[in-house]
Amino acid sequence: MPETRPPAASQALQNEVAGLIVSALNLEISADDIQPDAPLYGEGLGLDSIDILEVALVVSKQFGFQLRADNADNVSIFSSLASLTRHIAAHRTK
């Protein structure tokens, strides 16, 4: 199955989110190394629950909306860079 590329605006947002993740967690990879559909948690990027909390905090500050720890959708929201980017695009206030 060919990789689907998001529209340019979505691609720019996805790149920005990847950069935020790398910066917030001081990862020793570049933002370009994060595969859009690879899992963020556990296998894939290898983030743990504390890392996810850090990412949620940075995203909340950067985009002006709260990612709540008790949100039942968190597993799907943080399943990949692409899903996190889609969630941000739908809910951002800035």
Protein backbone atom coordinates (compact mmCIF):
# COMPACT_ATOMS: atom_id res chain seq x y z
CA MET A 1 0.00 0.00 0.00
CA PRO A 2 1.53 3.36 -0.99
CA GLU A 3 2.14 5.92 1.70
CA THR A 4 -0.44 8.67 1.52
CA ARG A 5 0.97 12.16 1.83
CA PRO A 6 -1.09 14.73 3.70
CA PRO A 7 -1.89 18.10 2.11
CA ALA A 8 0.90 20.69 2.39
CA ALA A 9 -0.67 22.48 5.38
CA SER A 10 -1.09 19.17 7.20
CA GLN A 11 2.45 18.17 6.28
CA ALA A 12 3.76 21.43 7.74
CA LEU A 13 1.78 20.85 10.94
CA GLN A 14 3.00 17.25 11.13
CA ASN A 15 6.59 18.45 10.77
CA GLU A 16 6.01 21.05 13.50
CA VAL A 17 4.53 18.42 15.86
CA ALA A 18 7.42 16.04 15.18
CA GLY A 19 9.84 18.85 16.00
CA LEU A 20 7.99 19.60 19.24
CA ILE A 21 8.21 15.94 20.27
CA VAL A 22 11.95 15.78 19.57
CA SER A 23 12.59 19.08 21.35
CA ALA A 24 10.35 18.43 24.38
CA LEU A 25 11.85 15.00 25.02
CA ASN A 26 15.44 15.79 23.99
CA LEU A 27 15.38 12.84 21.61
CA GLU A 28 18.58 11.95 19.82
CA ILE A 29 16.86 11.71 16.45
CA SER A 30 15.66 14.32 14.00
CA ALA A 31 12.00 15.14 13.50
CA ASP A 32 12.27 13.67 9.99
CA ASP A 33 13.10 10.28 11.53
CA ILE A 34 9.65 9.96 13.12
CA GLN A 35 7.51 7.85 10.81
CA PRO A 36 3.97 9.31 10.57
CA ASP A 37 2.19 5.99 11.10
CA ALA A 38 4.64 4.35 13.53
CA PRO A 39 3.44 3.97 17.12
CA LEU A 40 4.57 6.72 19.47
CA TYR A 41 4.03 4.65 22.61
CA GLY A 42 5.99 1.47 23.39
CA GLU A 43 7.35 -0.05 20.20
CA GLY A 44 7.93 2.39 17.39
CA LEU A 45 9.22 5.65 18.85
CA GLY A 46 9.40 4.03 22.29
CA LEU A 47 7.75 6.71 24.39
CA ASP A 48 6.47 5.89 27.86
CA SER A 49 3.58 7.42 29.81
CA ILE A 50 5.76 10.22 31.24
CA ASP A 51 6.93 11.10 27.71
CA ILE A 52 3.32 11.22 26.53
CA LEU A 53 2.46 13.59 29.40
CA GLU A 54 5.35 15.86 28.38
CA VAL A 55 4.16 15.86 24.77
CA ALA A 56 0.59 16.63 25.88
CA LEU A 57 1.83 19.59 27.92
CA VAL A 58 3.86 21.04 25.05
CA VAL A 59 1.03 20.52 22.56
CA SER A 60 -1.43 22.19 24.94
CA LYS A 61 0.82 25.25 25.31
CA GLN A 62 1.68 25.47 21.61
CA PHE A 63 -1.80 24.97 20.14
CA GLY A 64 -4.08 26.37 22.84
CA PHE A 65 -6.20 23.41 23.86
CA GLN A 66 -6.05 20.84 26.64
CA LEU A 67 -5.15 17.22 26.13
CA ARG A 68 -6.66 15.67 29.24
CA ALA A 69 -5.23 12.59 30.94
CA ASP A 70 -8.74 11.19 31.46
CA ASN A 71 -9.74 11.43 27.79
CA ALA A 72 -10.90 8.00 26.64
CA ASP A 73 -9.55 8.77 23.15
CA ASN A 74 -5.92 9.23 24.28
CA VAL A 75 -4.90 5.77 23.07
CA SER A 76 -5.99 6.64 19.55
CA ILE A 77 -4.85 10.29 19.73
CA PHE A 78 -1.30 9.28 20.70
CA SER A 79 -1.18 6.14 18.55
CA SER A 80 1.03 7.84 15.94
CA LEU A 81 2.39 11.17 14.78
CA ALA A 82 -0.26 11.26 12.05
CA SER A 83 -3.15 10.70 14.48
CA LEU A 84 -1.80 13.28 16.94
CA THR A 85 -1.45 15.79 14.08
CA ARG A 86 -5.04 15.15 12.93
CA HIS A 87 -6.28 15.72 16.49
CA ILE A 88 -4.33 18.97 16.79
CA ALA A 89 -5.62 20.20 13.43
CA ALA A 90 -9.21 19.55 14.53
CA HIS A 91 -8.92 21.15 17.99
CA ARG A 92 -6.25 23.85 17.89
CA THR A 93 -7.17 27.39 18.88
CA LYS A 94 -3.88 28.99 17.86
